Each structure stands twice: as C-alpha cells, then as structure tokens.
Amino acid sequence: MVTGELKSKIDSLWESFWTGGITNPLDVVEQMTYLMFIRDLDDSDNIRAKEAAMLGLPYESVFAKEVQVGDRTIDGSQLKWSVFHDFPAGKMYSTVQEWVFPFIKELHGDKESAYSKYMGDAIFKIPTPLMLDKIVTAMDGIYEQMAQLKAADTRGDVYEYLLSKIATAGVNGQFRTPRHIIRMMVDLMEPKADEIVCDPACGTSGFLVAVSDYLKENRKQEVFFNRQNRDHYMNRMFHGYDMDRTMLRIGAMNMMTHGVDNPFIEYRDSLSDQNPDRDKYTLILANPPFKGSLDADIVSTDLLKVCKTKKTELLFLALFLRMLKVGGRCACIVPDGVLFGSSTAHKAIRKELIENNRLEAVISMPSGVFKPYAGVSTAVLIFTKTGHGGTDKVWFYDMKADGYSLDDKRSEIKENDIPDIVARSRARDAEQERKRTEQSFFVPKDEIVANDYDLSINKYKQTEYVAVEYPPTSEIMAKLDELEMEIGAEMDALRELLGL
C-alpha cells in the first residue's frame, strides 16, 4: 500500500499532469508509465551490466555507444534518464520527444513482439518543456523516496496505485486485483521453470509479473543458469490476452521492465471464436471480469456446450478448462455466486470441475478485499484439468483477514491469514484431521455432490456454541433493586447540593 509522503508525492505529480492539460486518467497513467519505463530501463541496464560483470558474462547495453533513431545515429548515453534529467528544460524536451521516445518505441527488434505491436501507436503527449521538467523532477523525488523505504514491493505498489486511479470498476465488471492476493495465488501454485503460463484477461499483466518475480526469487538457478529454461522464460513462457489496447501496452512495458524480453501479449476477446487455444497451457492465473455485459452471439460454441449462459464468470471457467493441458492447473478468482448459484449453468460448471476434473481448493475471501473499488464477496478456486475426474475431497479455507482493514481505507493491520493459507495448503496431509469448526478443513466429494455441488464454505462449516450460564432470576432482581437504591441515594445527594 502507498501511504504517507510517497502517496503525497505521487498525488502531486498527478496534479501536475492535470494542471498541464492532460486530464484523461488513462492518458496520465500511460504517459507516467512511459517515463517510468524510460527511467527503469536505465536502472535495469546498469544492474544487468553489473551482474554480467560479476558472473564474467558478456553484456551489451541497450544504450550502446551509438544508437540508431530513425535516420540519425546518436550517442546512446544521451538517451539515459540519468543523463538527460540534468539537461535544461528545452533541451530535455527535444531529447525525449525526438530521440528517447522513438528509441523506446523501436527498442524491441522483433516487429511481431507484444512490445512492438502496442508501442507502435504510442504517442508522447506532454505539451511543454516546463511541464516535462517538472514531471521528471517529481519522478526523481518519488524514486528517491522509494529507495529510502527499501520495501521489496514498493515499486510495484506505486505502479498499482497509479493503475488504481484509471477507474474504480469498468463497464465489464473489471477491477484491479490487489498485489498481495495475486502473490498469494502464485505462492499457492508454486510455478516451475518449464511452465506455459496464461492470463486470458491479463489487464496490466499483474499475474504474469508475479510469476516472473516468483521464479526469480525461488528458482533463479534453475531458470537463469540454464540456457534452455532462460530462453523459454524470455520468449515462450508468458501469455496474456485482453480487449483494451492501452492496458496491453502498459502490460507489455510492465513485463519488459521486469526482465521478460518477449511475452506473448495479444489483443483478443478470450471468450470468442477468435481464441483458438486448446490444451495449451500448464498454468492459468486469472481474475476474469464478471457481472459484466456480454454479446452472446460471439461467444465460442464450445464454451456454451459446457454451460449455456451469458454470465462471464461461468464461461471463463469453461474456457480455462479448454485452454489447459491435461495436468494443467488453474487458480482463479470468482464471485461467491459461482459457489452456490442454483441455475442450471451454475450447477453444470461446478459438476464439470468436480466430476470430470480435480477440484482441489476453495478459499473464501472477505467482501472487503476489493474495496474501495468493489464490495463483492469472492473466492479463489484451485483445480487441475484431468478430463476424467479425480476429485475425492476438497480443501476449504475461510479467510477472515488479508493484512488490511476491510473498509474503503484498506489500512495495514496485523491480522493476516495469507501466510497461514499458503503454509496449510503446502501441508495438506496435516489438514486431514481438522474439525469443521476450524478455519480450514476437508469436505469429501460425496457430501458436496449430495448438496447439489454447493461450494460455499458456510454449507459445511460448523459453528461451535459455548453454553453460557446466567444467575437465577431472583439474584438478577436483587441486583436491580440494589442499583435502584444507589441511584435514588445519588439523586437525593444531587438535590441537596442544588438546594432543591
């Protein structure tokens, strides 16, 4: 969460855009993203150069001695943030507009890459040298503040805070997934070096970035010191689809900033016939849009065969099953209605997950998790595609706290079930003996089937009632008489004091 002085600096920078004439929130975030990318490119290039030197590996900086920008050849060092941020306003503006911006647009040599596709129509919109100078100075202050905080997720939190300003919730029910929830889901899935990962509603690539970060932290040796695995990580591991080109542009830059050279991020309506993917991915992580509008005519007939509905949350579950390879796993966020809805389509998709595949876990989350953007109650479903069943029991967890208050402020608090969820999930054998009165427990498949495939935790959770003993009525009445006499004595003393 972004708070205090850092939040104040970001809000001040946002104000600079607005007073300078850029008032569309999407344009503001887009322009800030470009500038953050330019600055991060300088920082990451320096870090990679140092790492290569330490490991004795060759490394060619993206800011090579001479860089081709259009028809001109210029000194690459002039394009580094650490160099041009000291230029006078006029020279800085012309450098960024005429050299730096065209340079980052053509940065990726592969014209078919996600980055090239979505940067091709990017436009530099900052109108004046003075405004750019003011923004660059403000961003230096923000990065300085971030460095002082020394928190692992500060850079990501700043980015999330910016993205949260785009909108509270889109017309298709889209709202941002908190970073700590994304990270919990990735930790639960424990991605491996050979995964083929997809988010069919990727937005700004939050889930893909989290998988990338997990691999860097937990499988660095396996991924980055193996040529085949490193090539797979850079070019074939990450896939994301969305219907918003601006989000795709930000997502592609987000992935490149996090060190993934060539993610496959594409404009696509995942639910339509234009999505041919079948039996392709080993891991799907997603928070698909729900409660949104849908053109039923363009929905793939394959999905409608599984569950005939206009509800996007049900169609996406059918889609995940189609896109996964046999043995592929999925962790996705669904609204609570998916767990207990009584319509034919609701029951059909739950039956498909339980009878024809292996449903592993249902983690119920409190309704405040997505505040202030939405108050909807949600859950995380975890399942494996088998095509022939395999569900024998389902693990339930009742999350009561996620480390933040469940009101619109979402202030940080001590109570946090997420570490416990991850720990218990990884040691499920120890969960076998837990009672239904505890926070997590197993429910056998037969019981779920008998309850019409209902997956709401309240259907199975047992409440432990503690008997309370009260004193006899005569004792209570005697106590009341005693209190009444005390009140009377105090009233008489007060009247005497007032001379009444």
Protein backbone atom coordinates (compact mmCIF):
# COMPACT_ATOMS: atom_id res chain seq x y z
CA MET A 1 0.00 0.00 0.00
CA VAL A 2 1.22 3.50 -0.86
CA THR A 3 0.89 5.86 2.11
CA GLY A 4 2.40 8.96 3.71
CA GLU A 5 4.97 11.10 1.91
CA LEU A 6 5.23 8.77 -1.09
CA LYS A 7 1.47 8.94 -1.71
CA SER A 8 1.62 12.72 -1.37
CA LYS A 9 4.42 12.94 -3.97
CA ILE A 10 2.52 10.75 -6.44
CA ASP A 11 -0.69 12.76 -5.95
CA SER A 12 1.31 15.97 -6.51
CA LEU A 13 2.75 14.53 -9.74
CA TRP A 14 -0.76 13.54 -10.84
CA GLU A 15 -1.86 17.12 -10.16
CA SER A 16 0.97 18.39 -12.42
CA PHE A 17 -0.48 16.43 -15.33
CA TRP A 18 -3.97 17.72 -14.71
CA THR A 19 -2.95 21.36 -14.38
CA GLY A 20 -0.82 20.93 -17.52
CA GLY A 21 -3.87 19.95 -19.55
CA ILE A 22 -3.73 16.12 -19.55
CA THR A 23 -7.00 15.34 -17.78
CA ASN A 24 -7.91 11.85 -19.01
CA PRO A 25 -6.78 9.45 -16.22
CA LEU A 26 -5.84 6.81 -18.79
CA ASP A 27 -3.60 9.31 -20.63
CA VAL A 28 -1.97 10.36 -17.35
CA VAL A 29 -1.15 6.77 -16.36
CA GLU A 30 0.03 5.99 -19.88
CA GLN A 31 2.43 8.96 -20.02
CA MET A 32 3.69 8.26 -16.49
CA THR A 33 4.19 4.62 -17.47
CA TYR A 34 6.34 5.65 -20.44
CA LEU A 35 8.51 7.84 -18.21
CA MET A 36 8.77 5.17 -15.50
CA PHE A 37 9.75 2.68 -18.20
CA ILE A 38 12.46 5.04 -19.52
CA ARG A 39 13.86 5.51 -16.02
CA ASP A 40 13.62 1.81 -15.15
CA LEU A 41 15.34 0.95 -18.43
CA ASP A 42 18.36 2.98 -17.30
CA ASP A 43 18.36 1.35 -13.84
CA SER A 44 17.83 -2.23 -15.09
CA ASP A 45 20.50 -1.78 -17.77
CA ASN A 46 23.01 -0.75 -15.09
CA ILE A 47 22.02 -3.69 -12.86
CA ARG A 48 22.31 -6.21 -15.71
CA ALA A 49 25.72 -4.81 -16.67
CA LYS A 50 26.94 -5.22 -13.06
CA GLU A 51 25.53 -8.76 -12.80
CA ALA A 52 27.18 -9.74 -16.10
CA ALA A 53 30.49 -8.31 -14.90
CA MET A 54 30.25 -10.26 -11.62
CA LEU A 55 29.47 -13.51 -13.45
CA GLY A 56 32.04 -12.88 -16.16
CA LEU A 57 29.39 -12.93 -18.87
CA PRO A 58 29.26 -10.67 -21.94
CA TYR A 59 26.63 -7.94 -21.91
CA GLU A 60 25.79 -5.29 -24.49
CA SER A 61 23.97 -2.29 -23.11
CA VAL A 62 20.79 -1.11 -24.85
CA PHE A 63 22.46 2.29 -24.67
CA ALA A 64 25.37 1.19 -26.86
CA LYS A 65 27.98 3.71 -27.98
CA GLU A 66 25.88 4.71 -30.98
CA VAL A 67 22.13 4.19 -31.30
CA GLN A 68 20.12 4.38 -34.49
CA VAL A 69 16.95 6.51 -34.05
CA GLY A 70 15.15 6.81 -37.36
CA ASP A 71 17.65 8.07 -39.92
CA ARG A 72 20.00 9.50 -37.31
CA THR A 73 22.81 7.93 -35.36
CA ILE A 74 23.32 9.44 -31.91
CA ASP A 75 25.33 8.81 -28.77
CA GLY A 76 23.33 6.23 -26.80
CA SER A 77 24.33 7.71 -23.44
CA GLN A 78 22.25 10.80 -24.28
CA LEU A 79 19.13 8.63 -24.02
CA LYS A 80 19.77 7.58 -20.41
CA TRP A 81 17.49 9.13 -17.80
CA SER A 82 20.49 9.75 -15.54
CA VAL A 83 21.98 11.94 -18.28
CA PHE A 84 19.08 13.87 -19.82
CA HIS A 85 17.36 14.66 -16.49
CA ASP A 86 20.10 17.24 -15.86
CA PHE A 87 19.53 18.99 -19.22
CA PRO A 88 17.84 22.43 -19.36
CA ALA A 89 14.07 22.14 -19.91
CA GLY A 90 14.19 22.95 -23.63
CA LYS A 91 16.99 20.50 -24.44
CA MET A 92 15.44 17.81 -22.24
CA TYR A 93 12.10 18.15 -24.04
CA SER A 94 13.62 17.92 -27.52
CA THR A 95 15.81 14.97 -26.43
CA VAL A 96 12.87 13.00 -25.01
CA GLN A 97 10.47 13.89 -27.81
CA GLU A 98 12.82 13.47 -30.78
CA TRP A 99 15.23 10.77 -29.55
CA VAL A 100 14.24 8.93 -26.38
CA PHE A 101 10.60 8.28 -27.25
CA PRO A 102 11.28 7.00 -30.81
CA PHE A 103 14.10 4.90 -29.30
CA ILE A 104 11.84 3.09 -26.80
CA LYS A 105 9.17 2.60 -29.49
CA GLU A 106 11.69 0.71 -31.63
CA LEU A 107 13.55 -0.87 -28.71
CA HIS A 108 12.46 -4.44 -29.46
CA GLY A 109 13.86 -5.64 -32.77
CA ASP A 110 11.10 -8.18 -33.37
CA LYS A 111 8.28 -6.27 -35.04
CA GLU A 112 5.84 -9.07 -34.17
CA SER A 113 6.57 -8.91 -30.45
CA ALA A 114 3.95 -7.70 -27.97
CA TYR A 115 6.08 -4.71 -27.12
CA SER A 116 6.47 -3.60 -30.75
CA LYS A 117 2.78 -4.13 -31.53
CA TYR A 118 1.50 -1.95 -28.72
CA MET A 119 4.22 0.66 -28.70
CA GLY A 120 3.81 1.27 -32.43
CA ASP A 121 0.86 3.65 -31.93
CA ALA A 122 2.08 5.18 -28.65
CA ILE A 123 2.07 8.99 -28.58
CA PHE A 124 4.16 11.38 -26.47
CA LYS A 125 1.53 13.83 -25.15
CA ILE A 126 3.36 16.06 -22.63
CA PRO A 127 2.77 19.51 -24.18
CA THR A 128 5.57 21.78 -22.88
CA PRO A 129 9.26 21.65 -21.84
CA LEU A 130 8.42 23.23 -18.47
CA MET A 131 5.82 20.56 -17.71
CA LEU A 132 8.22 17.75 -18.65
CA ASP A 133 10.96 19.26 -16.46
CA LYS A 134 8.52 19.47 -13.56
CA ILE A 135 7.39 15.84 -14.06
CA VAL A 136 10.94 14.47 -14.37
CA THR A 137 12.00 16.28 -11.17
CA ALA A 138 8.91 14.97 -9.35
CA MET A 139 9.59 11.42 -10.53
CA ASP A 140 13.19 11.62 -9.28
CA GLY A 141 11.75 12.57 -5.89
CA ILE A 142 9.37 9.60 -5.98
CA TYR A 143 12.16 7.16 -6.84
CA GLU A 144 14.34 8.64 -4.11
CA GLN A 145 11.51 8.13 -1.60
CA MET A 146 11.01 4.56 -2.85
CA ALA A 147 14.72 3.84 -2.35
CA GLN A 148 14.53 5.13 1.24
CA LEU A 149 11.59 2.84 2.06
CA LYS A 150 13.63 -0.22 0.96
CA ALA A 151 10.49 -2.37 0.77
CA ALA A 152 10.55 -5.18 -1.77
CA ASP A 153 7.19 -4.32 -3.29
CA THR A 154 7.37 -0.51 -3.21
CA ARG A 155 7.97 -0.18 -6.96
CA GLY A 156 5.03 -2.45 -7.69
CA ASP A 157 2.84 -0.73 -5.11
CA VAL A 158 3.50 2.65 -6.74
CA TYR A 159 2.56 1.20 -10.10
CA GLU A 160 -0.58 -0.38 -8.67
CA TYR A 161 -1.53 2.91 -7.04
CA LEU A 162 -1.23 4.67 -10.41
CA LEU A 163 -3.26 1.99 -12.14
CA SER A 164 -5.95 2.14 -9.46
CA LYS A 165 -6.59 5.73 -10.48
CA ILE A 166 -7.66 4.70 -14.00
CA ALA A 167 -11.14 3.68 -12.85
CA THR A 168 -12.91 2.10 -9.95
CA ALA A 169 -14.64 -0.57 -11.99
CA GLY A 170 -15.10 -0.86 -15.74
CA VAL A 171 -18.34 -1.45 -17.62
CA ASN A 172 -17.49 -5.14 -17.90
CA GLY A 173 -17.03 -5.62 -14.18
CA GLN A 174 -13.25 -5.19 -14.30
CA PHE A 175 -11.44 -4.14 -11.17
CA ARG A 176 -7.85 -4.42 -10.09
CA THR A 177 -6.58 -7.43 -8.20
CA PRO A 178 -4.57 -6.44 -5.11
CA ARG A 179 -0.91 -7.40 -5.39
CA HIS A 180 -0.88 -9.42 -2.16
CA ILE A 181 -3.82 -11.54 -3.39
CA ILE A 182 -2.03 -12.13 -6.70
CA ARG A 183 1.12 -13.12 -4.82
CA MET A 184 -0.84 -15.48 -2.56
CA MET A 185 -2.28 -17.27 -5.60
CA VAL A 186 1.15 -17.57 -7.24
CA ASP A 187 2.67 -18.88 -3.98
CA LEU A 188 -0.12 -21.46 -3.77
CA MET A 189 0.60 -22.68 -7.32
CA GLU A 190 4.43 -22.73 -6.94
CA PRO A 191 5.28 -22.22 -10.66
CA LYS A 192 8.08 -24.30 -12.17
CA ALA A 193 10.77 -23.40 -14.71
CA ASP A 194 9.02 -25.13 -17.63
CA GLU A 195 5.51 -23.66 -17.14
CA ILE A 196 3.49 -22.20 -20.00
CA VAL A 197 1.54 -19.51 -18.15
CA CYS A 198 -1.58 -17.68 -19.32
CA ASP A 199 -3.92 -14.99 -18.07
CA PRO A 200 -6.83 -14.73 -20.56
CA ALA A 201 -7.93 -11.40 -19.01
CA CYS A 202 -4.49 -10.01 -18.24
CA GLY A 203 -5.04 -6.23 -17.96
CA THR A 204 -1.66 -4.86 -16.96
CA SER A 205 -0.10 -8.35 -16.61
CA GLY A 206 -0.15 -8.42 -12.79
CA PHE A 207 -0.33 -12.23 -12.56
CA LEU A 208 2.36 -12.73 -15.21
CA VAL A 209 4.71 -10.30 -13.45
CA ALA A 210 4.11 -12.10 -10.14
CA VAL A 211 5.02 -15.47 -11.70
CA SER A 212 8.18 -13.87 -13.12
CA ASP A 213 9.09 -12.48 -9.68
CA TYR A 214 8.39 -15.85 -8.00
CA LEU A 215 10.74 -17.64 -10.39
CA LYS A 216 13.48 -15.05 -9.82
CA GLU A 217 13.17 -15.47 -6.05
CA ASN A 218 12.68 -19.23 -5.81
CA ARG A 219 14.08 -20.85 -8.97
CA LYS A 220 16.80 -18.42 -10.06
CA GLN A 221 19.48 -21.07 -10.56
CA GLU A 222 17.13 -23.37 -12.46
CA VAL A 223 15.72 -20.67 -14.75
CA PHE A 224 18.57 -18.25 -15.38
CA PHE A 225 21.60 -20.56 -15.37
CA ASN A 226 20.08 -23.00 -17.84
CA ARG A 227 20.15 -21.76 -21.43
CA GLN A 228 17.03 -23.67 -22.49
CA ASN A 229 14.98 -22.59 -19.47
CA ARG A 230 16.13 -18.98 -19.80
CA ASP A 231 15.13 -18.90 -23.47
CA HIS A 232 11.74 -20.37 -22.56
CA TYR A 233 11.30 -17.77 -19.78
CA MET A 234 12.14 -14.88 -22.09
CA ASN A 235 10.21 -15.94 -25.19
CA ARG A 236 7.59 -18.66 -24.65
CA MET A 237 6.51 -18.86 -21.00
CA PHE A 238 4.17 -15.87 -20.63
CA HIS A 239 0.87 -15.38 -22.48
CA GLY A 240 -1.75 -12.70 -21.84
CA TYR A 241 -4.89 -11.54 -23.62
CA ASP A 242 -7.12 -8.51 -23.17
CA MET A 243 -9.55 -6.32 -25.10
CA ASP A 244 -8.06 -2.97 -24.01
CA ARG A 245 -5.08 -1.87 -26.13
CA THR A 246 -3.89 0.68 -23.58
CA MET A 247 -3.83 -1.99 -20.89
CA LEU A 248 -1.93 -4.29 -23.24
CA ARG A 249 0.62 -1.55 -23.90
CA ILE A 250 1.11 -0.96 -20.19
CA GLY A 251 1.23 -4.74 -19.62
CA ALA A 252 3.93 -5.24 -22.28
CA MET A 253 6.06 -2.47 -20.73
CA ASN A 254 5.42 -3.90 -17.27
CA MET A 255 6.76 -7.30 -18.38
CA MET A 256 9.81 -5.82 -20.11
CA THR A 257 10.60 -3.71 -17.04
CA HIS A 258 10.54 -6.94 -15.01
CA GLY A 259 13.08 -8.54 -17.35
CA VAL A 260 10.87 -10.61 -19.70
CA ASP A 261 12.05 -9.76 -23.21
CA ASN A 262 9.27 -11.16 -25.35
CA PRO A 263 5.98 -12.04 -23.62
CA PHE A 264 3.11 -13.06 -25.90
CA ILE A 265 0.56 -10.37 -25.07
CA GLU A 266 -2.20 -10.00 -27.62
CA TYR A 267 -5.48 -8.20 -28.27
CA ARG A 268 -8.14 -10.87 -28.06
CA ASP A 269 -11.66 -11.49 -26.80
CA SER A 270 -10.85 -14.69 -24.97
CA LEU A 271 -14.47 -15.90 -24.89
CA SER A 272 -15.00 -15.58 -28.64
CA ASP A 273 -14.19 -17.86 -31.57
CA GLN A 274 -11.07 -15.75 -32.24
CA ASN A 275 -9.46 -17.61 -29.33
CA PRO A 276 -8.28 -20.96 -30.78
CA ASP A 277 -6.25 -22.04 -27.71
CA ARG A 278 -6.97 -25.58 -26.61
CA ASP A 279 -4.89 -27.94 -24.42
CA LYS A 280 -2.02 -25.43 -24.49
CA TYR A 281 -1.16 -24.10 -21.01
CA THR A 282 0.22 -25.72 -17.88
CA LEU A 283 -0.80 -22.87 -15.56
CA ILE A 284 -3.61 -20.32 -15.69
CA LEU A 285 -3.87 -17.50 -13.16
CA ALA A 286 -6.71 -15.05 -13.59
CA ASN A 287 -9.25 -12.68 -12.15
CA PRO A 288 -11.66 -12.60 -15.10
CA PRO A 289 -14.29 -9.88 -15.44
CA PHE A 290 -17.69 -10.77 -14.03
CA LYS A 291 -21.11 -9.17 -13.60
CA GLY A 292 -20.47 -7.57 -16.98
CA SER A 293 -22.21 -7.25 -20.32
CA LEU A 294 -21.65 -9.89 -22.98
CA ASP A 295 -22.54 -10.29 -26.63
CA ALA A 296 -23.86 -13.85 -26.62
CA ASP A 297 -23.55 -14.12 -30.42
CA ILE A 298 -19.74 -14.00 -30.36
CA VAL A 299 -19.23 -16.50 -27.52
CA SER A 300 -17.49 -19.67 -28.65
CA THR A 301 -19.97 -22.52 -29.12
CA ASP A 302 -17.52 -24.87 -27.35
CA LEU A 303 -17.99 -22.92 -24.14
CA LEU A 304 -21.77 -22.78 -24.44
CA LYS A 305 -21.83 -26.58 -24.68
CA VAL A 306 -20.28 -26.77 -21.20
CA CYS A 307 -22.63 -24.20 -19.68
CA LYS A 308 -25.27 -22.31 -21.65
CA THR A 309 -25.21 -18.86 -20.05
CA LYS A 310 -24.40 -15.18 -20.55
CA LYS A 311 -22.55 -14.97 -17.25
CA THR A 312 -18.88 -14.26 -17.99
CA GLU A 313 -17.64 -15.77 -14.73
CA LEU A 314 -19.06 -19.19 -15.68
CA LEU A 315 -17.90 -19.01 -19.30
CA PHE A 316 -14.36 -18.16 -18.20
CA LEU A 317 -14.23 -21.28 -16.00
CA ALA A 318 -15.27 -23.36 -19.02
CA LEU A 319 -12.60 -21.52 -21.04
CA PHE A 320 -9.87 -22.28 -18.51
CA LEU A 321 -10.66 -25.99 -18.73
CA ARG A 322 -10.47 -25.84 -22.52
CA MET A 323 -7.18 -23.91 -22.60
CA LEU A 324 -5.34 -26.07 -20.05
CA LYS A 325 -3.31 -29.12 -20.98
CA VAL A 326 -4.26 -32.34 -19.19
CA GLY A 327 -2.43 -31.99 -15.87
CA GLY A 328 -2.50 -28.20 -16.16
CA ARG A 329 -3.50 -26.22 -13.07
CA CYS A 330 -5.58 -23.11 -12.50
CA ALA A 331 -6.08 -20.61 -9.69
CA CYS A 332 -8.77 -18.06 -10.41
CA ILE A 333 -10.95 -15.57 -8.56
CA VAL A 334 -14.71 -15.99 -8.83
CA PRO A 335 -17.67 -14.15 -7.27
CA ASP A 336 -19.39 -16.04 -4.46
CA GLY A 337 -22.42 -16.70 -6.66
CA VAL A 338 -20.40 -19.24 -8.63
CA LEU A 339 -20.06 -21.33 -5.47
CA PHE A 340 -23.75 -21.70 -4.67
CA GLY A 341 -25.79 -20.39 -7.66
CA SER A 342 -28.81 -22.59 -8.31
CA SER A 343 -29.20 -22.07 -12.08
CA THR A 344 -28.58 -24.95 -14.48
CA ALA A 345 -25.41 -23.27 -15.77
CA HIS A 346 -24.00 -22.73 -12.25
CA LYS A 347 -24.56 -26.37 -11.35
CA ALA A 348 -23.19 -27.56 -14.71
CA ILE A 349 -19.81 -25.82 -14.34
CA ARG A 350 -19.41 -26.96 -10.70
CA LYS A 351 -20.26 -30.50 -11.75
CA GLU A 352 -17.73 -30.28 -14.60
CA LEU A 353 -14.98 -29.20 -12.18
CA ILE A 354 -15.79 -31.89 -9.60
CA GLU A 355 -16.83 -34.89 -11.71
CA ASN A 356 -14.64 -34.53 -14.81
CA ASN A 357 -11.60 -32.79 -13.30
CA ARG A 358 -9.95 -32.42 -9.90
CA LEU A 359 -11.19 -29.53 -7.79
CA GLU A 360 -8.58 -29.07 -5.07
CA ALA A 361 -9.38 -25.98 -3.00
CA VAL A 362 -11.92 -23.24 -2.33
CA ILE A 363 -10.56 -20.23 -0.43
CA SER A 364 -13.35 -17.87 0.60
CA MET A 365 -12.24 -14.23 0.88
CA PRO A 366 -13.95 -11.44 2.84
CA SER A 367 -16.00 -8.93 0.85
CA GLY A 368 -13.65 -6.02 1.65
CA VAL A 369 -10.69 -7.43 -0.30
CA PHE A 370 -11.51 -5.40 -3.43
CA LYS A 371 -12.53 -2.21 -1.67
CA PRO A 372 -12.71 0.69 -2.38
CA TYR A 373 -13.37 -0.43 -5.97
CA ALA A 374 -15.96 -3.11 -5.27
CA GLY A 375 -17.56 -4.73 -2.23
CA VAL A 376 -18.30 -8.07 -3.88
CA SER A 377 -17.57 -11.29 -1.98
CA THR A 378 -15.17 -13.56 -3.83
CA ALA A 379 -13.30 -16.84 -3.57
CA VAL A 380 -10.22 -18.45 -5.10
CA LEU A 381 -10.81 -21.76 -6.90
CA ILE A 382 -7.85 -24.08 -7.47
CA PHE A 383 -8.26 -27.04 -9.81
CA THR A 384 -6.36 -29.37 -12.14
CA LYS A 385 -7.57 -30.43 -15.57
CA THR A 386 -7.69 -34.22 -15.78
CA GLY A 387 -10.56 -34.83 -18.21
CA HIS A 388 -11.58 -37.93 -16.25
CA GLY A 389 -12.33 -36.82 -12.69
CA GLY A 390 -10.10 -37.27 -9.68
CA THR A 391 -11.85 -35.16 -7.05
CA ASP A 392 -12.07 -37.16 -3.85
CA LYS A 393 -12.15 -34.31 -1.34
CA VAL A 394 -11.97 -30.50 -1.47
CA TRP A 395 -9.96 -28.29 0.88
CA PHE A 396 -11.83 -25.23 2.21
CA TYR A 397 -10.31 -22.21 3.92
CA ASP A 398 -12.25 -19.33 5.48
CA MET A 399 -10.05 -16.22 5.07
CA LYS A 400 -11.06 -13.60 7.64
CA ALA A 401 -8.23 -11.07 7.22
CA ASP A 402 -5.75 -10.27 4.44
CA GLY A 403 -3.46 -7.86 6.29
CA TYR A 404 -5.56 -4.77 5.56
CA SER A 405 -8.72 -3.27 7.03
CA LEU A 406 -11.83 -4.32 5.13
CA ASP A 407 -13.19 -0.78 4.75
CA ASP A 408 -12.60 1.73 1.94
CA LYS A 409 -9.34 2.94 3.55
CA ARG A 410 -7.68 -0.51 3.44
CA SER A 411 -5.19 0.43 6.14
CA GLU A 412 -2.49 -2.09 7.06
CA ILE A 413 -3.34 -4.26 10.10
CA LYS A 414 -1.62 -7.12 11.97
CA GLU A 415 -4.27 -9.75 11.27
CA ASN A 416 -3.35 -11.63 8.10
CA ASP A 417 -4.41 -15.17 7.14
CA ILE A 418 -2.41 -15.30 3.89
CA PRO A 419 0.82 -16.81 5.34
CA ASP A 420 -1.34 -19.42 7.13
CA ILE A 421 -3.24 -20.22 3.92
CA VAL A 422 -0.02 -20.84 2.00
CA ALA A 423 1.51 -22.88 4.85
CA ARG A 424 -1.58 -25.06 5.34
CA SER A 425 -2.04 -25.55 1.60
CA ARG A 426 1.52 -26.85 1.26
CA ALA A 427 1.00 -29.29 4.14
CA ARG A 428 -2.45 -30.63 3.31
CA ASP A 429 -1.78 -34.03 4.83
CA ALA A 430 -1.82 -32.32 8.22
CA GLU A 431 -5.25 -30.89 7.38
CA GLN A 432 -6.97 -34.28 7.32
CA GLU A 433 -7.86 -34.31 11.00
CA ARG A 434 -9.08 -30.72 11.27
CA LYS A 435 -12.63 -30.25 12.51
CA ARG A 436 -15.31 -28.31 10.67
CA THR A 437 -15.22 -25.69 13.42
CA GLU A 438 -11.68 -24.67 12.42
CA GLN A 439 -10.63 -22.16 9.76
CA SER A 440 -9.72 -24.85 7.22
CA PHE A 441 -10.90 -28.41 6.65
CA PHE A 442 -11.56 -31.06 4.02
CA VAL A 443 -15.01 -32.00 2.71
CA PRO A 444 -15.43 -35.35 0.90
CA LYS A 445 -16.72 -35.28 -2.67
CA ASP A 446 -19.81 -37.37 -1.85
CA GLU A 447 -21.05 -34.76 0.61
CA ILE A 448 -20.57 -31.96 -1.95
CA VAL A 449 -22.44 -33.95 -4.60
CA ALA A 450 -25.29 -34.59 -2.14
CA ASN A 451 -25.54 -30.82 -1.64
CA ASP A 452 -26.06 -30.11 -5.37
CA TYR A 453 -22.33 -29.38 -5.83
CA ASP A 454 -22.60 -26.39 -3.46
CA LEU A 455 -19.12 -25.00 -2.74
CA SER A 456 -19.95 -22.26 -0.23
CA ILE A 457 -17.95 -22.79 2.95
CA ASN A 458 -20.93 -21.95 5.18
CA LYS A 459 -22.67 -25.08 3.88
CA TYR A 460 -20.05 -27.23 5.58
CA LYS A 461 -18.55 -25.11 8.35
CA GLN A 462 -19.80 -25.93 11.84
CA THR A 463 -20.23 -23.26 14.49
CA GLU A 464 -19.14 -24.16 17.99
CA TYR A 465 -21.67 -22.96 20.54
CA VAL A 466 -20.45 -22.36 24.07
CA ALA A 467 -23.04 -22.68 26.83
CA VAL A 468 -23.35 -19.52 28.94
CA GLU A 469 -24.68 -19.82 32.50
CA TYR A 470 -26.67 -16.91 33.88
CA PRO A 471 -27.51 -16.32 37.58
CA PRO A 472 -31.04 -17.14 38.74
CA THR A 473 -33.81 -14.57 38.20
CA SER A 474 -34.07 -13.82 41.94
CA GLU A 475 -30.39 -12.83 42.04
CA ILE A 476 -30.75 -10.58 38.99
CA MET A 477 -33.82 -8.86 40.50
CA ALA A 478 -32.00 -8.34 43.82
CA LYS A 479 -29.11 -6.72 41.95
CA LEU A 480 -31.51 -4.42 40.10
CA ASP A 481 -33.12 -3.37 43.42
CA GLU A 482 -29.69 -2.61 44.83
CA LEU A 483 -28.78 -0.47 41.77
CA GLU A 484 -32.08 1.37 42.02
CA MET A 485 -31.43 2.22 45.69
CA GLU A 486 -27.95 3.52 44.82
CA ILE A 487 -29.40 5.71 42.06
CA GLY A 488 -32.05 7.06 44.48
CA ALA A 489 -29.39 7.94 47.08
CA GLU A 490 -27.26 9.71 44.44
CA MET A 491 -30.33 11.69 43.23
CA ASP A 492 -31.12 12.80 46.82
CA ALA A 493 -27.50 13.97 47.27
CA LEU A 494 -27.69 15.92 43.99
CA ARG A 495 -30.97 17.64 45.03
CA GLU A 496 -29.43 18.63 48.36
CA LEU A 497 -26.39 20.03 46.57
CA LEU A 498 -28.63 22.11 44.28
CA GLY A 499 -30.79 23.26 47.19
CA LEU A 500 -33.97 21.75 45.76
